C-alpha atoms as a PDB file:
ATOM      1  CA  UNK A   1       0.000   0.000   0.000  1.00  0.00           C
ATOM      2  CA  UNK A   2       2.807   2.371   0.854  1.00  0.00           C
ATOM      3  CA  UNK A   3       4.366   1.582  -2.540  1.00  0.00           C
ATOM      4  CA  UNK A   4       1.154   2.592  -4.329  1.00  0.00           C
ATOM      5  CA  UNK A   5       0.725   5.692  -2.214  1.00  0.00           C
ATOM      6  CA  UNK A   6       4.266   6.894  -2.996  1.00  0.00           C
ATOM      7  CA  UNK A   7       3.381   6.686  -6.682  1.00  0.00           C
ATOM      8  CA  UNK A   8       0.320   8.898  -6.343  1.00  0.00           C
ATOM      9  CA  UNK A   9      -2.380   6.332  -5.666  1.00  0.00           C
ATOM     10  CA  UNK A  10      -5.149   7.220  -3.268  1.00  0.00           C
ATOM     11  CA  UNK A  11      -5.365   4.293  -0.849  1.00  0.00           C
ATOM     12  CA  UNK A  12      -8.533   3.416   1.073  1.00  0.00           C
ATOM     13  CA  UNK A  13      -8.988   0.621   3.591  1.00  0.00           C
ATOM     14  CA  UNK A  14     -11.796  -1.194   5.325  1.00  0.00           C
ATOM     15  CA  UNK A  15     -11.764  -3.655   8.190  1.00  0.00           C
ATOM     16  CA  UNK A  16     -14.286  -4.916  10.698  1.00  0.00           C
ATOM     17  CA  UNK A  17     -11.663  -4.882  13.469  1.00  0.00           C
ATOM     18  CA  UNK A  18     -11.091  -1.515  15.157  1.00  0.00           C
ATOM     19  CA  UNK A  19      -7.644  -2.613  16.353  1.00  0.00           C
ATOM     20  CA  UNK A  20      -6.544  -3.289  12.763  1.00  0.00           C
ATOM     21  CA  UNK A  21      -7.888   0.097  11.685  1.00  0.00           C
ATOM     22  CA  UNK A  22      -5.921   1.743  14.502  1.00  0.00           C
ATOM     23  CA  UNK A  23      -2.761   0.150  13.081  1.00  0.00           C
ATOM     24  CA  UNK A  24      -3.623   1.391   9.580  1.00  0.00           C
ATOM     25  CA  UNK A  25      -4.178   4.921  10.876  1.00  0.00           C
ATOM     26  CA  UNK A  26      -0.558   4.986  12.086  1.00  0.00           C
ATOM     27  CA  UNK A  27       0.601   4.803   8.463  1.00  0.00           C
ATOM     28  CA  UNK A  28       0.710   8.065   6.587  1.00  0.00           C
ATOM     29  CA  UNK A  29      -0.654   6.639   3.332  1.00  0.00           C
ATOM     30  CA  UNK A  30      -3.894   5.447   4.937  1.00  0.00           C
ATOM     31  CA  UNK A  31      -4.420   8.053   7.643  1.00  0.00           C
ATOM     32  CA  UNK A  32      -7.991   9.309   7.485  1.00  0.00           C
ATOM     33  CA  UNK A  33      -8.938   6.878   4.719  1.00  0.00           C
ATOM     34  CA  UNK A  34      -9.798   3.774   6.733  1.00  0.00           C
ATOM     35  CA  UNK A  35     -13.322   2.800   7.650  1.00  0.00           C
ATOM     36  CA  UNK A  36     -14.884   0.133   9.805  1.00  0.00           C
ATOM     37  CA  UNK A  37     -16.943  -2.080   7.535  1.00  0.00           C
ATOM     38  CA  UNK A  38     -17.984  -5.644   6.902  1.00  0.00           C
ATOM     39  CA  UNK A  39     -16.595  -7.161   3.697  1.00  0.00           C
ATOM     40  CA  UNK A  40     -20.091  -7.999   2.474  1.00  0.00           C
ATOM     41  CA  UNK A  41     -21.215  -4.345   2.681  1.00  0.00           C
ATOM     42  CA  UNK A  42     -18.344  -2.040   1.809  1.00  0.00           C
ATOM     43  CA  UNK A  43     -19.079   1.706   1.958  1.00  0.00           C
ATOM     44  CA  UNK A  44     -17.586   2.353  -1.489  1.00  0.00           C
ATOM     45  CA  UNK A  45     -19.531   3.040  -4.682  1.00  0.00           C
ATOM     46  CA  UNK A  46     -19.778   0.645  -7.613  1.00  0.00           C
ATOM     47  CA  UNK A  47     -16.792   0.697  -9.992  1.00  0.00           C
ATOM     48  CA  UNK A  48     -14.691   2.653  -7.496  1.00  0.00           C
ATOM     49  CA  UNK A  49     -11.270   0.989  -7.331  1.00  0.00           C
ATOM     50  CA  UNK A  50      -8.492   0.265  -9.802  1.00  0.00           C
ATOM     51  CA  UNK A  51      -7.112  -2.412  -7.466  1.00  0.00           C
ATOM     52  CA  UNK A  52      -8.931  -4.293  -4.712  1.00  0.00           C
ATOM     53  CA  UNK A  53      -6.592  -6.040  -2.296  1.00  0.00           C
ATOM     54  CA  UNK A  54      -7.607  -8.533   0.370  1.00  0.00           C
ATOM     55  CA  UNK A  55      -4.485  -9.469   2.290  1.00  0.00           C
ATOM     56  CA  UNK A  56      -4.557 -12.463   4.647  1.00  0.00           C
ATOM     57  CA  UNK A  57      -8.217 -12.058   5.543  1.00  0.00           C
ATOM     58  CA  UNK A  58     -10.198 -14.360   3.217  1.00  0.00           C
ATOM     59  CA  UNK A  59      -9.980 -17.260   5.674  1.00  0.00           C
ATOM     60  CA  UNK A  60     -12.021 -15.226   8.151  1.00  0.00           C
ATOM     61  CA  UNK A  61     -15.012 -14.774   5.824  1.00  0.00           C
ATOM     62  CA  UNK A  62     -17.927 -17.104   6.609  1.00  0.00           C
ATOM     63  CA  UNK A  63     -19.216 -16.534   3.060  1.00  0.00           C
ATOM     64  CA  UNK A  64     -16.325 -16.095   0.654  1.00  0.00           C
ATOM     65  CA  UNK A  65     -18.773 -15.822  -2.263  1.00  0.00           C
ATOM     66  CA  UNK A  66     -20.428 -12.748  -0.763  1.00  0.00           C
ATOM     67  CA  UNK A  67     -17.035 -11.196  -0.063  1.00  0.00           C
ATOM     68  CA  UNK A  68     -15.774 -11.716  -3.614  1.00  0.00           C
ATOM     69  CA  UNK A  69     -19.036 -10.423  -5.066  1.00  0.00           C
ATOM     70  CA  UNK A  70     -18.681  -7.249  -2.995  1.00  0.00           C
ATOM     71  CA  UNK A  71     -15.035  -6.801  -3.979  1.00  0.00           C
ATOM     72  CA  UNK A  72     -16.025  -7.212  -7.642  1.00  0.00           C
ATOM     73  CA  UNK A  73     -18.793  -4.633  -7.214  1.00  0.00           C
ATOM     74  CA  UNK A  74     -16.333  -1.994  -6.004  1.00  0.00           C
ATOM     75  CA  UNK A  75     -13.759  -2.752  -8.736  1.00  0.00           C
ATOM     76  CA  UNK A  76     -13.723  -0.755 -11.957  1.00  0.00           C
ATOM     77  CA  UNK A  77     -13.908  -2.528 -15.303  1.00  0.00           C
ATOM     78  CA  UNK A  78     -10.486  -4.093 -16.068  1.00  0.00           C
ATOM     79  CA  UNK A  79      -9.431  -3.611 -12.407  1.00  0.00           C
ATOM     80  CA  UNK A  80      -7.506  -6.278 -10.557  1.00  0.00           C
ATOM     81  CA  UNK A  81      -8.882  -8.043  -7.483  1.00  0.00           C
ATOM     82  CA  UNK A  82      -6.055  -9.631  -5.493  1.00  0.00           C
ATOM     83  CA  UNK A  83      -6.435 -12.059  -2.626  1.00  0.00           C
ATOM     84  CA  UNK A  84      -3.550 -13.433  -0.583  1.00  0.00           C
ATOM     85  CA  UNK A  85      -4.022 -15.809   2.305  1.00  0.00           C
ATOM     86  CA  UNK A  86      -2.652 -18.838   4.051  1.00  0.00           C
ATOM     87  CA  UNK A  87      -2.658 -21.709   1.588  1.00  0.00           C
ATOM     88  CA  UNK A  88      -5.722 -23.946   1.969  1.00  0.00           C
ATOM     89  CA  UNK A  89      -3.422 -27.006   2.023  1.00  0.00           C
ATOM     90  CA  UNK A  90      -1.763 -25.692   5.176  1.00  0.00           C
ATOM     91  CA  UNK A  91      -5.071 -24.907   6.811  1.00  0.00           C
ATOM     92  CA  UNK A  92      -6.365 -28.381   5.933  1.00  0.00           C
ATOM     93  CA  UNK A  93      -3.216 -29.822   7.524  1.00  0.00           C
ATOM     94  CA  UNK A  94      -4.197 -28.255  10.848  1.00  0.00           C
ATOM     95  CA  UNK A  95      -2.551 -24.836  10.796  1.00  0.00           C
ATOM     96  CA  UNK A  96      -4.318 -22.349  13.003  1.00  0.00           C
ATOM     97  CA  UNK A  97      -4.899 -18.623  12.987  1.00  0.00           C
ATOM     98  CA  UNK A  98      -3.748 -17.972  16.502  1.00  0.00           C
ATOM     99  CA  UNK A  99      -1.633 -15.709  18.657  1.00  0.00           C
ATOM    100  CA  UNK A 100      -0.310 -15.630  22.195  1.00  0.00           C
ATOM    101  CA  UNK A 101      -0.902 -12.775  24.593  1.00  0.00           C
ATOM    102  CA  UNK A 102       0.099 -12.780  28.243  1.00  0.00           C
ATOM    103  CA  UNK A 103       0.750 -16.520  28.222  1.00  0.00           C
ATOM    104  CA  UNK A 104      -2.706 -17.321  26.828  1.00  0.00           C
ATOM    105  CA  UNK A 105      -3.266 -18.802  23.372  1.00  0.00           C
ATOM    106  CA  UNK A 106      -6.056 -17.321  21.293  1.00  0.00           C
ATOM    107  CA  UNK A 107      -7.299 -19.126  18.203  1.00  0.00           C
ATOM    108  CA  UNK A 108      -9.362 -17.169  15.721  1.00  0.00           C
ATOM    109  CA  UNK A 109     -12.324 -18.797  13.965  1.00  0.00           C
ATOM    110  CA  UNK A 110     -11.371 -19.716  10.425  1.00  0.00           C
ATOM    111  CA  UNK A 111     -12.932 -21.036   7.256  1.00  0.00           C
ATOM    112  CA  UNK A 112     -10.993 -23.192   4.830  1.00  0.00           C
ATOM    113  CA  UNK A 113     -12.239 -23.098   1.253  1.00  0.00           C
ATOM    114  CA  UNK A 114     -10.152 -25.046  -1.255  1.00  0.00           C
ATOM    115  CA  UNK A 115      -8.290 -23.280  -4.048  1.00  0.00           C
ATOM    116  CA  UNK A 116     -10.947 -24.574  -6.467  1.00  0.00           C
ATOM    117  CA  UNK A 117     -13.734 -23.112  -4.289  1.00  0.00           C
ATOM    118  CA  UNK A 118     -11.960 -19.744  -4.135  1.00  0.00           C
ATOM    119  CA  UNK A 119     -11.517 -19.699  -7.917  1.00  0.00           C
ATOM    120  CA  UNK A 120     -15.152 -20.709  -8.491  1.00  0.00           C
ATOM    121  CA  UNK A 121     -16.330 -17.931  -6.157  1.00  0.00           C
ATOM    122  CA  UNK A 122     -14.338 -15.410  -8.180  1.00  0.00           C
ATOM    123  CA  UNK A 123     -15.837 -16.743 -11.400  1.00  0.00           C
ATOM    124  CA  UNK A 124     -19.386 -16.495  -9.996  1.00  0.00           C
ATOM    125  CA  UNK A 125     -18.612 -12.907  -8.911  1.00  0.00           C
ATOM    126  CA  UNK A 126     -17.920 -12.015 -12.545  1.00  0.00           C
ATOM    127  CA  UNK A 127     -14.135 -12.041 -12.262  1.00  0.00           C
ATOM    128  CA  UNK A 128     -11.681 -13.763 -14.575  1.00  0.00           C
ATOM    129  CA  UNK A 129      -8.750 -15.508 -12.915  1.00  0.00           C
ATOM    130  CA  UNK A 130      -5.685 -13.817 -14.341  1.00  0.00           C
ATOM    131  CA  UNK A 131      -2.960 -15.479 -12.296  1.00  0.00           C
ATOM    132  CA  UNK A 132      -2.503 -17.648  -9.232  1.00  0.00           C
ATOM    133  CA  UNK A 133       0.634 -18.516  -7.304  1.00  0.00           C
ATOM    134  CA  UNK A 134       1.569 -20.496  -4.257  1.00  0.00           C
ATOM    135  CA  UNK A 135       4.589 -19.889  -2.106  1.00  0.00           C
ATOM    136  CA  UNK A 136       6.434 -22.272   0.204  1.00  0.00           C
ATOM    137  CA  UNK A 137       8.611 -21.776   3.254  1.00  0.00           C
ATOM    138  CA  UNK A 138      12.259 -22.010   2.290  1.00  0.00           C
ATOM    139  CA  UNK A 139      15.714 -21.080   3.499  1.00  0.00           C
ATOM    140  CA  UNK A 140      14.825 -17.374   3.646  1.00  0.00           C
ATOM    141  CA  UNK A 141      12.304 -18.106   6.437  1.00  0.00           C
ATOM    142  CA  UNK A 142      14.511 -20.588   8.321  1.00  0.00           C
ATOM    143  CA  UNK A 143      15.766 -18.013  10.843  1.00  0.00           C
ATOM    144  CA  UNK A 144      12.186 -17.124  11.886  1.00  0.00           C
ATOM    145  CA  UNK A 145      11.543 -20.723  12.880  1.00  0.00           C
ATOM    146  CA  UNK A 146      14.957 -20.982  14.582  1.00  0.00           C
ATOM    147  CA  UNK A 147      14.381 -17.752  16.563  1.00  0.00           C
ATOM    148  CA  UNK A 148      10.947 -18.983  17.664  1.00  0.00           C
ATOM    149  CA  UNK A 149      12.420 -22.286  18.860  1.00  0.00           C
ATOM    150  CA  UNK A 150      10.487 -24.212  16.197  1.00  0.00           C
ATOM    151  CA  UNK A 151      13.325 -25.683  14.154  1.00  0.00           C
ATOM    152  CA  UNK A 152      11.581 -29.063  13.882  1.00  0.00           C
ATOM    153  CA  UNK A 153       8.468 -27.370  12.504  1.00  0.00           C
ATOM    154  CA  UNK A 154      10.566 -25.719   9.811  1.00  0.00           C
ATOM    155  CA  UNK A 155      11.817 -29.122   8.666  1.00  0.00           C
ATOM    156  CA  UNK A 156       8.229 -30.380   8.484  1.00  0.00           C
ATOM    157  CA  UNK A 157       6.893 -27.363   6.565  1.00  0.00           C
ATOM    158  CA  UNK A 158       9.797 -26.542   4.262  1.00  0.00           C
ATOM    159  CA  UNK A 159       8.735 -26.866   0.648  1.00  0.00           C
ATOM    160  CA  UNK A 160       5.013 -27.192   1.416  1.00  0.00           C
ATOM    161  CA  UNK A 161       2.547 -24.544   0.178  1.00  0.00           C
ATOM    162  CA  UNK A 162       2.188 -21.795   2.788  1.00  0.00           C
ATOM    163  CA  UNK A 163       0.646 -18.845   0.948  1.00  0.00           C
ATOM    164  CA  UNK A 164      -1.779 -18.654  -1.959  1.00  0.00           C
ATOM    165  CA  UNK A 165      -2.345 -15.581  -4.117  1.00  0.00           C
ATOM    166  CA  UNK A 166      -5.079 -15.166  -6.699  1.00  0.00           C
ATOM    167  CA  UNK A 167      -5.332 -12.255  -9.106  1.00  0.00           C
ATOM    168  CA  UNK A 168      -8.551 -11.672 -11.013  1.00  0.00           C
ATOM    169  CA  UNK A 169      -9.521  -9.155 -13.635  1.00  0.00           C
ATOM    170  CA  UNK A 170     -12.978  -7.635 -13.742  1.00  0.00           C
ATOM    171  CA  UNK A 171     -14.373  -7.934 -17.253  1.00  0.00           C
END
């Protein structure tokens, strides 16, 4: 987002979580342009955005179809709709969306559509899949696992899909 903003783009953001919006407001490129909103009812007009980006949030949507339909609604003709998230293969293998705070473990409710289901939802929303990629943990991430004391987990996950990215074009 900062990259786009530095090149003259006007960046807007929406999230249902006030804490995430507070983090966004700390960044100059999004200050004053973030709104609290549910993904299935965004407060943006039809054909508003040149790029719609959903970064590591799709797994939280109870109805991915509704979310993609709403993203498509806000995208201009020929705009790109980009979704990145944890790879469904990892989620199906038991990965969690969790964090630790004060010694307590918090796991966030998640939904795990397959790659095929995600692609079909985009198609039903009137989007054309332009490109998809998956990324694996490799040597570049090794030190994160080592520093977290999870060296054995690195060995287990290395080379397995960790992140999925889909890029659609609105016809």
